[in-house]
């Protein structure tokens, strides 16, 4: 169980939440909602113990599993299966069993006997922690999240960003946690895995808080909603499911507006009467009392919800370029003994629209990284054409320097743009005032997405490489992205699970990985988008 008492949450000088108290116990399936930048990610970090509130306290009475938006593992040489098993302490026993197995084949009788004893001791510890049944359970969870045995047997450092995130999700679901804190758990999951996760959470016996822009997930899983209102710095708690929450929230807002309108009408009458009475010296005290009554009437009102701001996004007018600004031929990439893809050719013509499809792990992100020059291919070459200006949006936000501020990242992206224009652009992406001086490391996933997109806007790019650009965005911000995609005049190479993004792009061609097959786009491929 998690108990939060009188929490105050700040980012810099801005108060996101004040004097909030709540509990998360067994059976509480809570959807944490609010616009991008409202503080959802910051709050879950504090609840997980990875951040500190400005005041107040958080206490936990049992183990908590936390999936951040950008999970990072310390040791990239760890085998993926061991990372999952570590959630129940099985990994060390398995490593000891493997080491003993190697020495059991020794021709030295003494070494053989020692290895047998070490194996027996390790197996005893393994069985005490759940043994083969637990290992099988971990494999089932991993497979349900699109992680087959061949992926589980690889070092984490050889996996894609999406695969690493799914390993972390599998580890958390496999652990003996009483409460789960899940920040956008459906990111990088295919359609089948999302359906499985919905069913898992629907039947979960412990408590959880989930941040998700997947409406179907919150509709089917949550029985409470915490609405984090950044305009009022409060959490509104709704002890109902998602659909009832939407109805109740609108009813609450209508009530607030009625109460405010009535109170303002009465207060105006009191102020008007007080002004008239002040003209008479004998009624000065009465006028002051009347004005105080009016002020008290207004101060007791709940603030009504201000309209959420939305980043205004338009991709840049592309710089002039030749007929084919980007070409690639014979690309192949492997990580160790794992072959990702081979012999991929691609020609990106001026203004063309290409979508890359493939199952998780097929190399979609890897291909974009090669095209963007972030990684080198094992064979083949990427050839820039005349006038090429690349804009690369990375799903893990690698294009941003986490140690530098929002403003510093923008100045790097547009060194020739004057400070006034840089701040104006940042303002259109909802970064204003002290927000521009925040280090990127403290931003939420949605804020990082907005900043990364802002750097594209000032880039004059004529070829955009976009890797899951709608992840971590609320519905209004996602709509802005889709509108920008549909109106952009340059070339786009897109990787996405979002069918709406493909519809907005209206692609001409697709590349199907890992085979590298190129084909003209037709609606028959649309069903593959969510599966990819």
Protein backbone atom coordinates (compact mmCIF):
# COMPACT_ATOMS: atom_id res chain seq x y z
CA UNK A 1 0.00 0.00 0.00
CA UNK A 2 1.08 3.59 -0.69
CA UNK A 3 -0.05 6.47 1.50
CA UNK A 4 0.61 10.06 0.44
CA UNK A 5 0.13 12.78 3.06
CA UNK A 6 -0.09 16.52 2.35
CA UNK A 7 2.14 16.32 -0.74
CA UNK A 8 3.41 19.42 -2.44
CA UNK A 9 5.01 18.86 -5.82
CA UNK A 10 7.04 21.55 -7.56
CA UNK A 11 9.09 21.83 -10.71
CA UNK A 12 11.31 24.85 -10.25
CA UNK A 13 9.11 27.68 -9.01
CA UNK A 14 5.95 26.15 -10.46
CA UNK A 15 3.59 24.37 -8.05
CA UNK A 16 2.06 21.31 -9.70
CA UNK A 17 0.30 19.94 -6.65
CA UNK A 18 -0.27 21.13 -3.10
CA UNK A 19 -1.60 19.55 0.09
CA UNK A 20 -2.66 16.30 -1.64
CA UNK A 21 -3.44 13.21 0.46
CA UNK A 22 -4.55 9.83 -0.89
CA UNK A 23 -4.00 6.07 -0.58
CA UNK A 24 -3.44 3.25 -3.05
CA UNK A 25 -4.37 -0.15 -1.68
CA UNK A 26 -5.27 -3.67 -2.86
CA UNK A 27 -7.91 -3.59 -5.56
CA UNK A 28 -7.42 0.11 -6.34
CA UNK A 29 -7.01 0.29 -10.11
CA UNK A 30 -6.34 3.97 -10.64
CA UNK A 31 -6.00 5.91 -13.88
CA UNK A 32 -3.84 9.03 -13.37
CA UNK A 33 -4.85 11.60 -15.96
CA UNK A 34 -4.06 15.22 -16.82
CA UNK A 35 -2.63 17.18 -19.71
CA UNK A 36 1.02 16.88 -20.77
CA UNK A 37 3.19 18.71 -18.24
CA UNK A 38 0.59 18.53 -15.44
CA UNK A 39 3.01 16.50 -13.31
CA UNK A 40 1.83 12.90 -13.74
CA UNK A 41 5.33 11.50 -14.34
CA UNK A 42 6.82 13.67 -11.57
CA UNK A 43 4.19 12.44 -9.11
CA UNK A 44 4.74 8.75 -9.94
CA UNK A 45 8.51 9.18 -9.50
CA UNK A 46 7.87 10.58 -6.02
CA UNK A 47 5.49 7.72 -5.17
CA UNK A 48 8.13 5.25 -6.37
CA UNK A 49 10.79 6.84 -4.16
CA UNK A 50 12.84 8.15 -7.09
CA UNK A 51 12.02 11.78 -6.37
CA UNK A 52 11.28 13.97 -3.37
CA UNK A 53 8.23 16.17 -2.76
CA UNK A 54 8.67 19.81 -1.84
CA UNK A 55 6.79 18.92 1.36
CA UNK A 56 4.64 16.12 2.71
CA UNK A 57 5.46 12.42 2.84
CA UNK A 58 4.99 9.09 1.05
CA UNK A 59 4.97 5.80 2.96
CA UNK A 60 4.91 2.29 1.53
CA UNK A 61 3.93 -0.89 3.38
CA UNK A 62 4.92 -3.39 0.67
CA UNK A 63 7.01 -3.79 -2.50
CA UNK A 64 6.25 -1.39 -5.35
CA UNK A 65 6.98 -2.03 -9.04
CA UNK A 66 7.70 1.12 -11.07
CA UNK A 67 7.84 1.36 -14.87
CA UNK A 68 9.12 4.83 -15.87
CA UNK A 69 8.55 6.21 -19.37
CA UNK A 70 12.24 5.87 -20.21
CA UNK A 71 13.48 2.82 -18.26
CA UNK A 72 17.25 2.47 -18.06
CA UNK A 73 19.17 -0.58 -16.88
CA UNK A 74 22.63 -0.19 -15.44
CA UNK A 75 24.41 -3.25 -16.86
CA UNK A 76 23.82 -3.73 -20.59
CA UNK A 77 25.72 -7.05 -20.50
CA UNK A 78 23.03 -8.70 -18.37
CA UNK A 79 21.06 -11.40 -20.19
CA UNK A 80 17.47 -10.27 -20.73
CA UNK A 81 16.02 -13.40 -19.09
CA UNK A 82 18.15 -12.80 -15.98
CA UNK A 83 16.89 -9.22 -15.80
CA UNK A 84 13.29 -10.50 -15.64
CA UNK A 85 14.10 -13.28 -13.15
CA UNK A 86 15.87 -10.76 -10.89
CA UNK A 87 12.43 -9.47 -9.84
CA UNK A 88 12.11 -12.54 -7.56
CA UNK A 89 15.80 -13.08 -6.87
CA UNK A 90 15.99 -16.07 -9.22
CA UNK A 91 18.72 -14.67 -11.44
CA UNK A 92 21.64 -15.30 -9.07
CA UNK A 93 20.60 -18.92 -8.45
CA UNK A 94 20.28 -19.50 -12.21
CA UNK A 95 23.76 -18.03 -12.84
CA UNK A 96 25.24 -20.29 -10.16
CA UNK A 97 23.52 -23.34 -11.70
CA UNK A 98 24.87 -22.46 -15.17
CA UNK A 99 28.41 -22.03 -13.83
CA UNK A 100 28.23 -25.36 -11.97
CA UNK A 101 26.91 -27.13 -15.08
CA UNK A 102 30.01 -26.08 -17.02
CA UNK A 103 32.31 -27.61 -14.41
CA UNK A 104 30.29 -30.81 -13.99
CA UNK A 105 31.83 -32.09 -17.21
CA UNK A 106 35.34 -31.86 -15.76
CA UNK A 107 37.51 -34.99 -15.99
CA UNK A 108 38.94 -34.11 -12.57
CA UNK A 109 36.85 -36.12 -10.05
CA UNK A 110 37.38 -33.56 -7.30
CA UNK A 111 36.30 -30.66 -9.52
CA UNK A 112 33.32 -32.71 -10.73
CA UNK A 113 32.22 -33.38 -7.14
CA UNK A 114 32.57 -29.72 -6.15
CA UNK A 115 30.52 -28.71 -9.17
CA UNK A 116 27.81 -31.23 -8.26
CA UNK A 117 27.60 -29.82 -4.72
CA UNK A 118 27.52 -26.22 -6.00
CA UNK A 119 24.77 -27.15 -8.45
CA UNK A 120 22.71 -28.82 -5.71
CA UNK A 121 23.05 -25.78 -3.44
CA UNK A 122 22.13 -23.38 -6.25
CA UNK A 123 19.16 -25.52 -7.27
CA UNK A 124 17.91 -25.59 -3.67
CA UNK A 125 17.97 -21.77 -3.61
CA UNK A 126 16.32 -21.72 -7.04
CA UNK A 127 13.48 -24.02 -5.93
CA UNK A 128 12.99 -22.05 -2.71
CA UNK A 129 12.37 -18.92 -4.81
CA UNK A 130 9.73 -20.60 -6.97
CA UNK A 131 11.92 -22.74 -9.20
CA UNK A 132 10.98 -23.96 -12.63
CA UNK A 133 7.32 -22.96 -12.29
CA UNK A 134 8.35 -19.35 -11.65
CA UNK A 135 10.82 -19.44 -14.56
CA UNK A 136 8.03 -20.73 -16.81
CA UNK A 137 5.70 -17.97 -15.54
CA UNK A 138 8.32 -15.36 -16.41
CA UNK A 139 8.69 -16.83 -19.91
CA UNK A 140 4.89 -16.72 -20.43
CA UNK A 141 4.72 -13.05 -19.38
CA UNK A 142 7.64 -12.19 -21.65
CA UNK A 143 6.14 -14.06 -24.62
CA UNK A 144 2.81 -12.30 -24.06
CA UNK A 145 4.66 -9.00 -24.37
CA UNK A 146 6.27 -10.03 -27.67
CA UNK A 147 9.59 -11.30 -26.23
CA UNK A 148 10.37 -14.80 -27.50
CA UNK A 149 13.14 -17.03 -26.09
CA UNK A 150 15.68 -15.86 -28.67
CA UNK A 151 15.31 -12.29 -27.32
CA UNK A 152 15.42 -13.39 -23.69
CA UNK A 153 18.75 -15.14 -24.33
CA UNK A 154 20.42 -11.93 -25.59
CA UNK A 155 22.33 -9.29 -23.58
CA UNK A 156 20.17 -6.22 -22.96
CA UNK A 157 22.69 -4.05 -24.82
CA UNK A 158 21.83 -5.80 -28.10
CA UNK A 159 18.09 -5.10 -27.84
CA UNK A 160 16.12 -2.23 -29.36
CA UNK A 161 14.69 0.51 -27.16
CA UNK A 162 11.22 -1.01 -27.45
CA UNK A 163 12.48 -4.46 -26.47
CA UNK A 164 14.32 -3.08 -23.44
CA UNK A 165 11.16 -1.34 -22.29
CA UNK A 166 9.18 -4.58 -22.64
CA UNK A 167 11.85 -6.44 -20.64
CA UNK A 168 11.38 -3.89 -17.84
CA UNK A 169 7.59 -4.27 -18.01
CA UNK A 170 7.91 -8.07 -17.89
CA UNK A 171 10.24 -7.78 -14.87
CA UNK A 172 7.77 -5.59 -13.00
CA UNK A 173 4.76 -7.79 -13.78
CA UNK A 174 6.73 -10.90 -12.75
CA UNK A 175 7.81 -9.37 -9.42
CA UNK A 176 6.00 -9.91 -6.13
CA UNK A 177 4.72 -6.33 -6.00
CA UNK A 178 1.72 -5.15 -4.03
CA UNK A 179 1.39 -1.90 -6.00
CA UNK A 180 2.35 -1.12 -9.61
CA UNK A 181 3.17 2.35 -10.94
CA UNK A 182 2.99 2.17 -14.73
CA UNK A 183 3.87 5.20 -16.86
CA UNK A 184 2.61 4.63 -20.44
CA UNK A 185 2.96 0.82 -20.32
CA UNK A 186 1.52 0.31 -23.83
CA UNK A 187 4.33 2.27 -25.54
CA UNK A 188 6.17 -0.06 -27.97
CA UNK A 189 3.62 -2.87 -27.53
CA UNK A 190 1.91 -4.46 -30.51
CA UNK A 191 -1.86 -4.95 -30.65
CA UNK A 192 -1.86 -8.50 -29.23
CA UNK A 193 0.39 -7.51 -26.33
CA UNK A 194 -1.83 -4.54 -25.49
CA UNK A 195 -4.90 -6.80 -25.35
CA UNK A 196 -3.01 -9.22 -23.07
CA UNK A 197 -1.89 -6.36 -20.78
CA UNK A 198 -5.46 -5.07 -20.49
CA UNK A 199 -6.66 -8.49 -19.36
CA UNK A 200 -3.73 -8.83 -16.95
CA UNK A 201 -4.43 -5.49 -15.28
CA UNK A 202 -8.17 -6.11 -15.23
CA UNK A 203 -7.57 -9.21 -13.09
CA UNK A 204 -4.66 -7.89 -11.02
CA UNK A 205 -5.30 -8.43 -7.29
CA UNK A 206 -2.99 -5.70 -6.01
CA UNK A 207 -3.29 -1.99 -6.57
CA UNK A 208 -1.91 0.07 -9.42
CA UNK A 209 -1.68 3.56 -10.82
CA UNK A 210 -1.46 3.73 -14.59
CA UNK A 211 -0.71 6.72 -16.81
CA UNK A 212 -1.88 5.94 -20.31
CA UNK A 213 -3.23 7.65 -23.39
CA UNK A 214 -4.67 4.29 -24.47
CA UNK A 215 -8.37 4.98 -23.91
CA UNK A 216 -9.31 1.31 -24.30
CA UNK A 217 -6.91 0.34 -21.51
CA UNK A 218 -8.25 2.84 -18.99
CA UNK A 219 -11.84 2.09 -19.99
CA UNK A 220 -11.43 -1.62 -19.36
CA UNK A 221 -9.12 -1.61 -16.32
CA UNK A 222 -9.56 1.31 -13.94
CA UNK A 223 -12.11 1.61 -11.13
CA UNK A 224 -10.87 5.00 -9.88
CA UNK A 225 -9.54 8.10 -11.59
CA UNK A 226 -7.14 10.68 -10.19
CA UNK A 227 -7.32 13.85 -12.30
CA UNK A 228 -4.23 16.02 -11.84
CA UNK A 229 -5.38 19.55 -12.58
CA UNK A 230 -2.33 21.72 -13.27
CA UNK A 231 -4.43 24.89 -13.33
CA UNK A 232 -5.72 24.35 -9.78
CA UNK A 233 -2.71 22.37 -8.38
CA UNK A 234 -4.99 19.66 -7.01
CA UNK A 235 -5.86 16.01 -7.51
CA UNK A 236 -9.57 15.40 -8.05
CA UNK A 237 -10.38 11.86 -6.90
CA UNK A 238 -13.22 10.04 -8.66
CA UNK A 239 -14.17 6.68 -7.12
CA UNK A 240 -15.74 5.47 -10.36
CA UNK A 241 -14.71 3.87 -13.64
CA UNK A 242 -13.59 5.75 -16.73
CA UNK A 243 -16.90 6.47 -18.46
CA UNK A 244 -18.59 7.51 -15.23
CA UNK A 245 -15.55 9.71 -14.48
CA UNK A 246 -15.92 11.57 -17.78
CA UNK A 247 -19.59 12.25 -17.05
CA UNK A 248 -18.96 13.23 -13.42
CA UNK A 249 -16.04 15.49 -14.30
CA UNK A 250 -18.12 17.45 -16.78
CA UNK A 251 -20.96 17.65 -14.25
CA UNK A 252 -18.50 18.97 -11.63
CA UNK A 253 -17.24 21.58 -14.06
CA UNK A 254 -20.75 22.74 -14.91
CA UNK A 255 -21.49 23.00 -11.16
CA UNK A 256 -18.32 25.08 -10.58
CA UNK A 257 -19.26 27.44 -13.39
CA UNK A 258 -22.81 27.90 -12.04
CA UNK A 259 -21.55 28.52 -8.52
CA UNK A 260 -18.95 30.99 -9.75
CA UNK A 261 -21.48 32.87 -11.90
CA UNK A 262 -23.95 33.14 -9.00
CA UNK A 263 -21.25 34.20 -6.51
CA UNK A 264 -19.79 36.78 -8.90
CA UNK A 265 -23.27 38.23 -9.46
CA UNK A 266 -23.86 38.56 -5.69
CA UNK A 267 -20.34 39.91 -5.10
CA UNK A 268 -20.79 42.55 -7.82
CA UNK A 269 -24.00 43.70 -6.14
CA UNK A 270 -22.25 43.89 -2.74
CA UNK A 271 -19.27 45.81 -4.16
CA UNK A 272 -21.62 48.21 -5.93
CA UNK A 273 -23.59 48.82 -2.76
CA UNK A 274 -20.38 49.27 -0.74
CA UNK A 275 -19.15 51.89 -3.22
CA UNK A 276 -22.38 53.86 -2.78
CA UNK A 277 -22.19 53.65 1.03
CA UNK A 278 -18.57 54.86 1.18
CA UNK A 279 -19.73 58.27 0.02
CA UNK A 280 -21.39 58.75 3.41
CA UNK A 281 -19.01 59.06 6.35
CA UNK A 282 -21.54 57.48 8.71
CA UNK A 283 -21.64 54.30 6.64
CA UNK A 284 -17.92 53.74 6.01
CA UNK A 285 -17.66 50.80 8.40
CA UNK A 286 -20.75 49.16 6.94
CA UNK A 287 -19.28 49.59 3.44
CA UNK A 288 -16.03 47.91 4.49
CA UNK A 289 -17.94 45.00 6.03
CA UNK A 290 -19.97 44.62 2.85
CA UNK A 291 -16.81 44.57 0.70
CA UNK A 292 -15.28 41.92 2.99
CA UNK A 293 -18.41 39.78 2.60
CA UNK A 294 -18.07 40.00 -1.18
CA UNK A 295 -14.38 39.04 -1.07
CA UNK A 296 -15.13 36.11 1.24
CA UNK A 297 -17.87 34.96 -1.11
CA UNK A 298 -15.41 34.83 -4.01
CA UNK A 299 -12.52 33.31 -2.04
CA UNK A 300 -14.60 30.30 -1.05
CA UNK A 301 -15.20 29.26 -4.64
CA UNK A 302 -13.54 26.28 -6.31
CA UNK A 303 -11.51 27.44 -9.28
CA UNK A 304 -13.07 26.42 -12.55
CA UNK A 305 -10.99 24.43 -14.98
CA UNK A 306 -9.11 26.58 -17.44
CA UNK A 307 -8.86 25.31 -20.97
CA UNK A 308 -5.82 23.07 -21.38
CA UNK A 309 -3.18 24.58 -23.59
CA UNK A 310 -2.04 22.62 -26.64
CA UNK A 311 1.27 22.94 -28.44
CA UNK A 312 0.79 24.48 -31.87
CA UNK A 313 2.81 22.36 -34.27
CA UNK A 314 3.66 22.86 -37.91
CA UNK A 315 6.65 21.09 -39.39
CA UNK A 316 9.17 23.38 -41.14
CA UNK A 317 8.98 24.55 -44.70
CA UNK A 318 11.58 22.25 -46.26
CA UNK A 319 14.84 23.65 -47.58
CA UNK A 320 15.37 23.25 -51.36
CA UNK A 321 16.96 19.96 -52.38
CA UNK A 322 17.57 17.67 -55.35
CA UNK A 323 15.22 15.04 -56.71
CA UNK A 324 16.47 12.31 -54.34
CA UNK A 325 17.87 13.85 -51.13
CA UNK A 326 18.51 10.52 -49.37
CA UNK A 327 19.54 7.09 -50.66
CA UNK A 328 20.62 3.87 -48.99
CA UNK A 329 21.84 0.66 -50.59
CA UNK A 330 22.74 -2.80 -49.31
CA UNK A 331 22.25 -1.96 -45.65
CA UNK A 332 22.71 -4.74 -43.11
CA UNK A 333 22.97 -4.71 -39.33
CA UNK A 334 23.72 -7.33 -36.70
CA UNK A 335 24.32 -7.19 -32.95
CA UNK A 336 26.77 -9.95 -32.12
CA UNK A 337 25.42 -13.15 -33.63
CA UNK A 338 21.92 -11.69 -34.00
CA UNK A 339 21.17 -10.61 -37.55
CA UNK A 340 18.62 -7.78 -37.66
CA UNK A 341 18.24 -7.29 -41.42
CA UNK A 342 20.31 -7.57 -44.60
CA UNK A 343 20.47 -5.95 -48.03
CA UNK A 344 17.95 -3.14 -47.52
CA UNK A 345 17.71 -0.51 -50.29
CA UNK A 346 15.80 2.75 -50.02
CA UNK A 347 15.50 5.90 -52.14
CA UNK A 348 13.71 8.86 -50.53
CA UNK A 349 12.61 11.28 -53.24
CA UNK A 350 11.73 14.92 -52.62
CA UNK A 351 8.34 15.07 -50.86
CA UNK A 352 7.89 11.29 -50.77
CA UNK A 353 6.13 9.49 -47.91
CA UNK A 354 7.38 6.12 -46.70
CA UNK A 355 6.25 3.98 -43.77
CA UNK A 356 8.44 1.20 -42.32
CA UNK A 357 6.57 -1.87 -41.05
CA UNK A 358 7.74 -4.99 -39.24
CA UNK A 359 7.17 -6.90 -36.04
CA UNK A 360 8.82 -5.73 -32.84
CA UNK A 361 12.54 -6.45 -33.10
CA UNK A 362 12.53 -6.48 -36.90
CA UNK A 363 14.85 -3.46 -37.00
CA UNK A 364 12.56 -0.47 -37.70
CA UNK A 365 14.27 1.83 -35.20
CA UNK A 366 17.67 0.50 -36.22
CA UNK A 367 17.01 1.38 -39.87
CA UNK A 368 16.06 4.95 -38.93
CA UNK A 369 19.21 5.26 -36.81
CA UNK A 370 21.29 4.17 -39.80
CA UNK A 371 19.52 6.65 -42.10
CA UNK A 372 20.02 9.39 -39.50
CA UNK A 373 23.73 8.65 -39.11
CA UNK A 374 23.36 7.71 -35.43
CA UNK A 375 24.74 4.22 -36.12
CA UNK A 376 26.88 2.75 -38.89
CA UNK A 377 25.69 -0.17 -41.02
CA UNK A 378 27.71 -3.38 -41.08
CA UNK A 379 27.53 -3.32 -44.87
CA UNK A 380 26.12 -0.91 -47.43
CA UNK A 381 26.02 2.85 -47.36
CA UNK A 382 23.73 5.80 -46.72
CA UNK A 383 24.26 8.50 -49.34
CA UNK A 384 23.06 12.08 -48.88
CA UNK A 385 21.72 13.75 -52.01
CA UNK A 386 22.00 17.37 -53.09
CA UNK A 387 20.74 19.78 -50.41
CA UNK A 388 19.79 17.12 -47.84
CA UNK A 389 18.72 18.49 -44.44
CA UNK A 390 17.71 15.71 -42.06
CA UNK A 391 15.36 16.03 -39.10
CA UNK A 392 15.40 12.96 -36.84
CA UNK A 393 12.86 12.29 -34.08
CA UNK A 394 14.05 9.41 -31.87
CA UNK A 395 11.52 7.47 -29.81
CA UNK A 396 13.94 7.38 -26.84
CA UNK A 397 14.71 11.13 -27.23
CA UNK A 398 18.42 10.47 -27.84
CA UNK A 399 18.62 13.67 -29.89
CA UNK A 400 18.20 15.68 -26.67
CA UNK A 401 21.03 16.27 -24.20
CA UNK A 402 19.53 15.43 -20.78
CA UNK A 403 22.12 17.47 -18.88
CA UNK A 404 21.41 20.70 -20.76
CA UNK A 405 18.38 22.93 -20.41
CA UNK A 406 15.39 23.21 -22.71
CA UNK A 407 16.71 26.51 -24.05
CA UNK A 408 20.25 25.18 -24.58
CA UNK A 409 18.95 22.22 -26.58
CA UNK A 410 16.97 24.56 -28.80
CA UNK A 411 19.95 26.89 -29.33
CA UNK A 412 22.00 23.86 -30.43
CA UNK A 413 19.28 22.82 -32.88
CA UNK A 414 19.01 26.34 -34.34
CA UNK A 415 22.30 28.18 -33.76
CA UNK A 416 21.46 30.88 -36.31
CA UNK A 417 18.06 31.71 -34.81
CA UNK A 418 17.95 34.74 -32.51
CA UNK A 419 16.93 34.31 -28.89
CA UNK A 420 13.57 36.02 -29.33
CA UNK A 421 12.55 33.59 -32.09
CA UNK A 422 13.81 30.60 -30.09
CA UNK A 423 11.74 31.63 -27.08
CA UNK A 424 8.73 32.31 -29.31
CA UNK A 425 8.97 28.80 -30.76
CA UNK A 426 9.38 27.27 -27.30
CA UNK A 427 6.35 29.23 -26.13
CA UNK A 428 4.25 27.72 -28.90
CA UNK A 429 5.30 24.31 -27.53
CA UNK A 430 4.20 25.35 -24.01
CA UNK A 431 7.69 26.09 -22.64
CA UNK A 432 7.59 29.57 -21.14
CA UNK A 433 9.12 31.50 -18.25
CA UNK A 434 11.32 29.36 -15.99
CA UNK A 435 10.36 26.20 -17.93
CA UNK A 436 13.05 26.96 -20.53
CA UNK A 437 15.75 26.72 -17.85
CA UNK A 438 14.79 23.22 -16.70
CA UNK A 439 17.27 20.41 -17.47
CA UNK A 440 15.85 17.96 -20.01
CA UNK A 441 16.47 15.11 -17.55
CA UNK A 442 13.58 16.29 -15.34
CA UNK A 443 11.02 16.58 -18.16
CA UNK A 444 8.14 14.14 -18.52
CA UNK A 445 7.91 11.96 -21.60
CA UNK A 446 5.29 14.25 -23.12
CA UNK A 447 7.45 17.32 -22.48
CA UNK A 448 10.49 15.62 -24.06
CA UNK A 449 8.35 14.76 -27.06
CA UNK A 450 7.26 18.39 -27.41
CA UNK A 451 10.85 19.64 -27.12
CA UNK A 452 12.16 17.13 -29.66
CA UNK A 453 9.41 18.18 -32.06
CA UNK A 454 10.23 21.86 -31.44
CA UNK A 455 13.83 21.21 -32.54
CA UNK A 456 12.46 19.78 -35.80
CA UNK A 457 10.30 22.85 -36.40
CA UNK A 458 13.35 25.14 -36.49
CA UNK A 459 15.47 22.73 -38.54
CA UNK A 460 14.31 23.52 -42.12
CA UNK A 461 14.56 19.77 -42.68
CA UNK A 462 13.51 18.43 -46.07
CA UNK A 463 13.57 14.78 -44.92
CA UNK A 464 11.99 13.85 -41.57
CA UNK A 465 12.80 10.52 -39.91
CA UNK A 466 10.06 10.00 -37.33
CA UNK A 467 10.18 7.12 -34.83
CA UNK A 468 6.88 6.79 -32.91
CA UNK A 469 6.23 10.57 -32.78
CA UNK A 470 2.79 10.23 -31.13
CA UNK A 471 3.97 8.26 -28.06
CA UNK A 472 3.45 9.99 -24.68
CA UNK A 473 1.09 12.64 -26.10
CA UNK A 474 -2.39 13.51 -24.89
CA UNK A 475 -5.20 13.37 -27.49
CA UNK A 476 -5.10 17.11 -28.28
CA UNK A 477 -1.32 17.12 -28.81
CA UNK A 478 -1.54 13.96 -30.90
CA UNK A 479 -4.13 15.68 -33.11
CA UNK A 480 -1.64 18.53 -33.66
CA UNK A 481 1.02 16.02 -34.76
CA UNK A 482 -1.36 14.36 -37.20
CA UNK A 483 -2.35 17.71 -38.68
CA UNK A 484 1.31 18.68 -39.09
CA UNK A 485 2.09 15.36 -40.80
CA UNK A 486 -0.72 15.74 -43.29
CA UNK A 487 0.36 19.26 -44.33
CA UNK A 488 4.18 18.86 -44.35
CA UNK A 489 5.66 19.40 -47.84
CA UNK A 490 8.94 17.54 -47.37
CA UNK A 491 9.74 13.82 -47.37
CA UNK A 492 8.87 11.62 -44.39
CA UNK A 493 10.07 8.18 -43.34
CA UNK A 494 7.79 7.03 -40.51
CA UNK A 495 7.87 4.23 -37.93
CA UNK A 496 4.69 3.97 -35.87
CA UNK A 497 2.14 1.67 -34.22
CA UNK A 498 -0.44 4.46 -34.56
CA UNK A 499 -2.88 3.81 -37.40
CA UNK A 500 -4.01 7.45 -37.22
CA UNK A 501 -0.45 8.62 -37.91
CA UNK A 502 -0.29 6.44 -41.03
CA UNK A 503 -3.65 7.78 -42.18
CA UNK A 504 -2.39 11.36 -41.71
CA UNK A 505 0.83 10.61 -43.59
CA UNK A 506 -1.04 8.98 -46.50
CA UNK A 507 2.10 7.03 -47.54
CA UNK A 508 3.04 6.20 -51.08
CA UNK A 509 5.37 3.30 -50.26
CA UNK A 510 6.36 0.96 -47.47
CA UNK A 511 9.44 -1.01 -46.47
CA UNK A 512 8.67 -4.34 -44.80
CA UNK A 513 11.37 -5.52 -42.39
CA UNK A 514 13.38 -7.65 -41.79
CA UNK A 515 13.29 -8.71 -45.47
CA UNK A 516 13.57 -5.16 -46.79
CA UNK A 517 10.75 -5.68 -49.28
CA UNK A 518 9.53 -2.45 -50.87
CA UNK A 519 5.97 -2.11 -52.12
CA UNK A 520 3.40 0.52 -53.04
CA UNK A 521 1.11 1.33 -50.13
CA UNK A 522 -2.42 -0.02 -50.18
CA UNK A 523 -5.11 -0.36 -47.52
CA UNK A 524 -4.37 -4.05 -47.19
CA UNK A 525 -1.25 -3.11 -45.23
CA UNK A 526 -3.13 -0.93 -42.74
CA UNK A 527 -3.98 -3.88 -40.49
CA UNK A 528 -0.26 -4.53 -40.05
CA UNK A 529 0.39 -1.13 -38.47
CA UNK A 530 -0.90 -1.90 -34.97
CA UNK A 531 0.58 -5.42 -35.14
CA UNK A 532 3.98 -3.99 -36.06
